[in-house]
Protein backbone atom coordinates (compact mmCIF):
# COMPACT_ATOMS: atom_id res chain seq x y z
CA MET A 1 -22.36 -2.63 30.83
CA THR A 2 -20.30 -4.30 33.58
CA PHE A 3 -17.11 -6.32 33.38
CA GLU A 4 -15.01 -8.50 35.63
CA ASN A 5 -11.59 -7.30 34.44
CA LEU A 6 -12.38 -3.77 33.27
CA LEU A 7 -13.69 -0.60 34.89
CA LEU A 8 -15.73 1.79 32.74
CA GLU A 9 -16.31 5.42 33.69
CA ARG A 10 -17.99 8.28 31.83
CA ASP A 11 -17.06 11.95 32.04
CA GLY A 12 -19.35 13.72 29.61
CA ALA A 13 -18.32 12.72 26.09
CA VAL A 14 -15.18 10.96 27.40
CA ALA A 15 -15.09 7.30 28.41
CA ILE A 16 -12.32 6.00 30.69
CA VAL A 17 -11.56 2.29 30.41
CA THR A 18 -9.29 0.82 33.10
CA LEU A 19 -7.75 -2.63 32.78
CA ASN A 20 -8.33 -3.99 36.26
CA ARG A 21 -6.17 -7.01 37.15
CA PRO A 22 -3.62 -5.31 39.41
CA LYS A 23 -2.55 -8.52 41.17
CA VAL A 24 -1.11 -9.77 37.85
CA LEU A 25 -0.05 -6.32 36.63
CA ASN A 26 -3.11 -6.15 34.35
CA ALA A 27 -1.91 -9.02 32.18
CA LEU A 28 -4.07 -9.72 29.14
CA ASN A 29 -5.79 -13.07 29.39
CA HIS A 30 -8.50 -14.34 27.05
CA GLN A 31 -11.33 -12.98 29.17
CA THR A 32 -9.77 -9.52 29.46
CA LEU A 33 -9.28 -9.30 25.70
CA ALA A 34 -12.87 -10.41 25.10
CA GLU A 35 -14.17 -7.82 27.56
CA LEU A 36 -11.99 -5.12 25.99
CA SER A 37 -13.33 -6.01 22.55
CA ALA A 38 -16.94 -5.84 23.73
CA CYS A 39 -16.34 -2.60 25.61
CA MET A 40 -14.72 -0.86 22.65
CA ALA A 41 -17.46 -2.02 20.28
CA SER A 42 -20.05 -0.57 22.64
CA LEU A 43 -18.20 2.74 22.90
CA LYS A 44 -17.85 2.92 19.12
CA ALA A 45 -21.61 2.54 18.74
CA ASP A 46 -22.37 5.14 21.44
CA GLU A 47 -22.77 8.50 19.70
CA GLY A 48 -22.40 10.25 23.05
CA VAL A 49 -18.80 9.05 23.37
CA ARG A 50 -16.33 11.10 21.36
CA ALA A 51 -13.00 10.20 22.99
CA ILE A 52 -11.70 7.29 25.07
CA ILE A 53 -8.91 6.95 27.63
CA LEU A 54 -7.37 3.53 28.18
CA THR A 55 -5.25 2.98 31.29
CA GLY A 56 -4.23 0.35 33.82
CA SER A 57 -5.21 -0.19 37.43
CA GLY A 58 -2.65 0.57 40.13
CA GLU A 59 0.61 2.47 39.95
CA LYS A 60 2.92 -0.25 38.63
CA SER A 61 1.53 -1.37 35.32
CA PHE A 62 -0.45 -0.36 32.26
CA VAL A 63 -0.34 -3.93 30.96
CA ALA A 64 2.61 -6.19 31.74
CA GLY A 65 1.94 -8.48 28.77
CA ALA A 66 -0.09 -11.53 27.92
CA ASP A 67 -1.02 -14.05 30.58
CA ILE A 68 1.86 -16.54 30.42
CA ASN A 69 -0.26 -19.27 31.99
CA GLU A 70 -2.42 -19.29 28.85
CA LEU A 71 0.57 -19.40 26.50
CA ALA A 72 2.61 -22.16 28.12
CA THR A 73 0.72 -25.16 26.76
CA GLN A 74 -0.64 -23.94 23.43
CA SER A 75 -0.33 -26.02 20.27
CA PRO A 76 0.70 -24.35 16.99
CA VAL A 77 -2.93 -24.08 15.91
CA GLU A 78 -3.94 -22.67 19.29
CA GLY A 79 -1.02 -20.24 19.17
CA GLN A 80 -2.04 -18.97 15.75
CA ALA A 81 -5.63 -18.53 16.89
CA HIS A 82 -4.47 -16.72 20.03
CA ALA A 83 -2.29 -14.31 18.06
CA ARG A 84 -4.91 -13.62 15.42
CA ARG A 85 -7.60 -12.99 18.02
CA GLY A 86 -5.40 -10.42 19.73
CA GLN A 87 -4.46 -8.80 16.42
CA LEU A 88 -8.09 -8.36 15.41
CA ILE A 89 -9.01 -6.82 18.76
CA LEU A 90 -6.13 -4.34 18.57
CA ASP A 91 -6.90 -3.60 14.92
CA ALA A 92 -10.45 -2.72 15.93
CA ILE A 93 -9.14 -0.29 18.55
CA GLU A 94 -6.83 1.34 16.01
CA GLN A 95 -9.68 1.61 13.51
CA LEU A 96 -12.36 2.64 16.00
CA GLY A 97 -12.97 5.99 14.32
CA LYS A 98 -12.77 7.74 17.69
CA PRO A 99 -9.55 8.85 19.39
CA VAL A 100 -8.27 6.34 21.95
CA ILE A 101 -5.67 7.82 24.32
CA ALA A 102 -3.39 5.37 26.09
CA ALA A 103 -2.55 6.74 29.55
CA ILE A 104 0.43 4.52 30.28
CA ASN A 105 0.89 4.47 34.03
CA GLY A 106 3.65 1.86 34.37
CA PHE A 107 4.93 -1.24 32.60
CA ALA A 108 3.78 -1.58 28.98
CA LEU A 109 5.41 -4.85 28.00
CA GLY A 110 4.69 -7.39 25.30
CA GLY A 111 0.96 -7.32 24.66
CA GLY A 112 0.77 -4.16 26.76
CA CYS A 113 3.17 -2.31 24.49
CA GLU A 114 1.27 -3.68 21.49
CA LEU A 115 -2.01 -2.45 22.95
CA ALA A 116 -0.56 1.00 23.56
CA MET A 117 0.73 1.16 19.98
CA ALA A 118 -2.76 0.42 18.66
CA CYS A 119 -4.09 3.53 20.42
CA THR A 120 -4.39 6.85 18.61
CA ILE A 121 -2.19 8.84 21.01
CA ARG A 122 0.07 7.69 23.83
CA LEU A 123 0.76 9.61 27.04
CA ALA A 124 3.31 8.11 29.42
CA ALA A 125 3.95 8.65 33.09
CA ASP A 126 7.61 9.42 33.71
CA SER A 127 7.80 6.09 35.53
CA ALA A 128 6.52 4.05 32.56
CA ARG A 129 8.64 1.33 30.94
CA PHE A 130 8.20 -0.15 27.48
CA GLY A 131 9.42 -3.31 25.82
CA GLN A 132 8.76 -6.40 23.75
CA PRO A 133 10.44 -9.06 25.92
CA GLU A 134 8.90 -12.08 24.18
CA ILE A 135 12.28 -13.21 22.87
CA ASN A 136 13.40 -13.86 26.45
CA LEU A 137 10.72 -16.57 26.61
CA GLY A 138 11.66 -18.03 23.25
CA LEU A 139 8.70 -16.24 21.68
CA MET A 140 8.03 -13.32 19.37
CA PRO A 141 5.31 -10.65 19.40
CA GLY A 142 1.90 -11.98 18.44
CA TYR A 143 -0.37 -8.93 18.53
CA ALA A 144 1.33 -7.14 15.58
CA GLY A 145 4.23 -5.77 17.63
CA SER A 146 6.67 -6.72 14.87
CA GLN A 147 4.62 -4.55 12.51
CA ARG A 148 3.52 -1.51 14.51
CA LEU A 149 6.81 -0.96 16.35
CA PRO A 150 8.97 -0.36 13.23
CA ARG A 151 6.25 1.86 11.79
CA LEU A 152 6.45 4.05 14.89
CA VAL A 153 10.16 4.07 15.72
CA GLY A 154 11.89 2.88 12.54
CA LYS A 155 13.34 -0.47 11.57
CA GLY A 156 16.70 -0.21 13.35
CA ILE A 157 15.41 0.75 16.79
CA ALA A 158 12.55 -1.73 16.48
CA MET A 159 14.96 -4.55 15.62
CA GLU A 160 17.08 -3.73 18.67
CA MET A 161 14.08 -3.69 21.00
CA LEU A 162 12.59 -6.88 19.54
CA LEU A 163 15.83 -8.87 19.43
CA THR A 164 17.23 -7.85 22.83
CA GLY A 165 13.94 -7.75 24.71
CA ASP A 166 15.32 -4.77 26.62
CA MET A 167 12.99 -2.21 28.19
CA VAL A 168 13.19 1.52 27.52
CA GLY A 169 12.12 4.25 29.90
CA ALA A 170 9.49 6.88 29.22
CA GLN A 171 11.93 9.59 28.14
CA ARG A 172 13.65 7.26 25.67
CA ALA A 173 10.23 6.17 24.40
CA TYR A 174 9.44 9.82 23.73
CA GLU A 175 12.76 10.40 21.97
CA ILE A 176 12.21 7.51 19.55
CA GLY A 177 8.59 8.41 18.82
CA LEU A 178 6.92 5.60 20.74
CA VAL A 179 4.91 8.03 22.90
CA ASN A 180 3.58 11.53 22.30
CA ARG A 181 4.20 13.01 25.74
CA VAL A 182 5.83 12.21 29.07
CA VAL A 183 4.25 13.71 32.18
CA PRO A 184 4.78 13.31 35.93
CA ALA A 185 2.99 10.18 37.11
CA ALA A 186 0.75 12.16 39.47
CA GLU A 187 -0.46 14.29 36.54
CA LEU A 188 -1.02 11.51 33.99
CA MET A 189 -4.78 11.18 34.23
CA THR A 190 -5.29 14.93 34.51
CA GLU A 191 -3.33 15.38 31.30
CA ALA A 192 -5.15 12.51 29.59
CA ARG A 193 -8.56 13.85 30.59
CA ALA A 194 -7.70 17.34 29.35
CA LEU A 195 -6.54 15.99 25.99
CA ALA A 196 -9.59 13.74 25.71
CA GLN A 197 -11.92 16.67 26.40
CA THR A 198 -10.13 18.70 23.73
CA LEU A 199 -10.55 15.94 21.16
CA ALA A 200 -14.15 15.27 22.21
CA ALA A 201 -14.96 18.91 21.45
CA LYS A 202 -13.86 18.58 17.81
CA ALA A 203 -16.19 17.73 14.92
CA PRO A 204 -16.71 13.96 15.23
CA ILE A 205 -17.00 13.24 11.51
CA ALA A 206 -13.76 15.10 10.81
CA VAL A 207 -12.02 13.29 13.68
CA GLY A 208 -13.07 9.91 12.35
CA PHE A 209 -12.14 10.73 8.76
CA ILE A 210 -8.69 11.99 9.79
CA ILE A 211 -8.03 8.81 11.78
CA ASP A 212 -9.13 6.70 8.80
CA ALA A 213 -7.07 8.71 6.31
CA VAL A 214 -3.89 8.44 8.35
CA ASN A 215 -4.27 4.76 9.22
CA GLN A 216 -5.24 3.62 5.73
CA GLY A 217 -2.86 5.99 3.96
CA LEU A 218 0.16 4.69 5.85
CA GLU A 219 -0.49 1.20 4.46
CA ALA A 220 -0.96 2.38 0.86
CA PRO A 221 1.12 4.07 -1.86
CA PHE A 222 1.17 7.87 -1.53
CA ALA A 223 -1.11 8.39 -4.53
CA VAL A 224 -3.68 5.99 -3.08
CA GLY A 225 -3.56 7.90 0.20
CA GLU A 226 -4.11 11.14 -1.71
CA TYR A 227 -7.13 9.63 -3.47
CA LEU A 228 -8.55 8.50 -0.14
CA GLU A 229 -8.07 11.99 1.28
CA THR A 230 -9.85 13.65 -1.65
CA SER A 231 -12.72 11.17 -1.38
CA LEU A 232 -13.17 11.78 2.34
CA PHE A 233 -12.77 15.54 1.85
CA GLY A 234 -15.53 15.50 -0.74
CA THR A 235 -17.83 13.59 1.57
CA ILE A 236 -17.22 15.83 4.57
CA ALA A 237 -17.64 18.98 2.47
CA SER A 238 -21.35 18.23 2.23
CA SER A 239 -21.82 17.57 5.96
CA GLU A 240 -23.91 19.68 8.30
CA ASP A 241 -20.90 19.95 10.61
CA MET A 242 -18.81 21.55 7.86
CA ARG A 243 -21.52 24.14 7.25
CA GLU A 244 -21.83 24.73 10.99
CA GLY A 245 -18.06 25.06 11.36
CA THR A 246 -17.67 27.61 8.59
CA LYS A 247 -20.72 29.59 9.74
CA ALA A 248 -19.50 29.62 13.34
CA PHE A 249 -16.10 30.85 12.17
CA LEU A 250 -17.69 33.71 10.24
CA ASP A 251 -20.04 34.48 13.14
CA LYS A 252 -17.09 34.45 15.57
CA ARG A 253 -18.68 31.86 17.88
CA LYS A 254 -17.99 28.30 18.95
CA PRO A 255 -19.48 25.66 16.65
CA VAL A 256 -22.08 23.19 17.87
CA TRP A 257 -21.30 19.85 16.25
CA GLN A 258 -24.07 17.39 15.42
CA GLY A 259 -22.01 14.58 13.95
CA LYS A 260 -23.96 14.85 10.70
């Protein structure tokens, strides 16, 4: 599969997807979102892929936001369709069932910050900057930034970021829970690849079920989340991977996962 605005690389069970519009700081236009959607759907269906890294081309930007040229002349109906399309694509990434690691190499602003928040785990270069600056254009987030940001950092900090449009640096992003780790920029992809290989070596059914349980449970009452967990636990308890995992533990060897 080839793309105009994405680069796709494979490293064993790890796929590396690079947003590749460096001249516009990897801004998300309609075509890029469509390509990203198609790429992620393909990787979801590929049983040989067990973890994904998402990063940006160049040293300046992960994604600097949506393409303003596409937003400037939209009607209300077009604006709603634009926002919903982006939301659905990011929802699909969040619900992929495979870990998606955002390797944030620079600016993650607007749609870029929203894209990073939809990923399973976020690693940031120490030079990365985060923000939702839509308010400075008389806009608001459209790709669920007003929903994911408070869930990650809390209502108060989210309100401040959304209403001021101010950027925060990588260390501050780590302190407020927006990213999992901050690493030197030169080591970002090495760290991301190592984490991806670690996750790719885990039992794929268990990985997918854990992602589903956390994502769905956060949107439900606690008791509903508990019920979901017990249901998934019951299903996985009859899997070949569970039997392989327990047998390997008793045999003192590494398990060989089949994804069954």
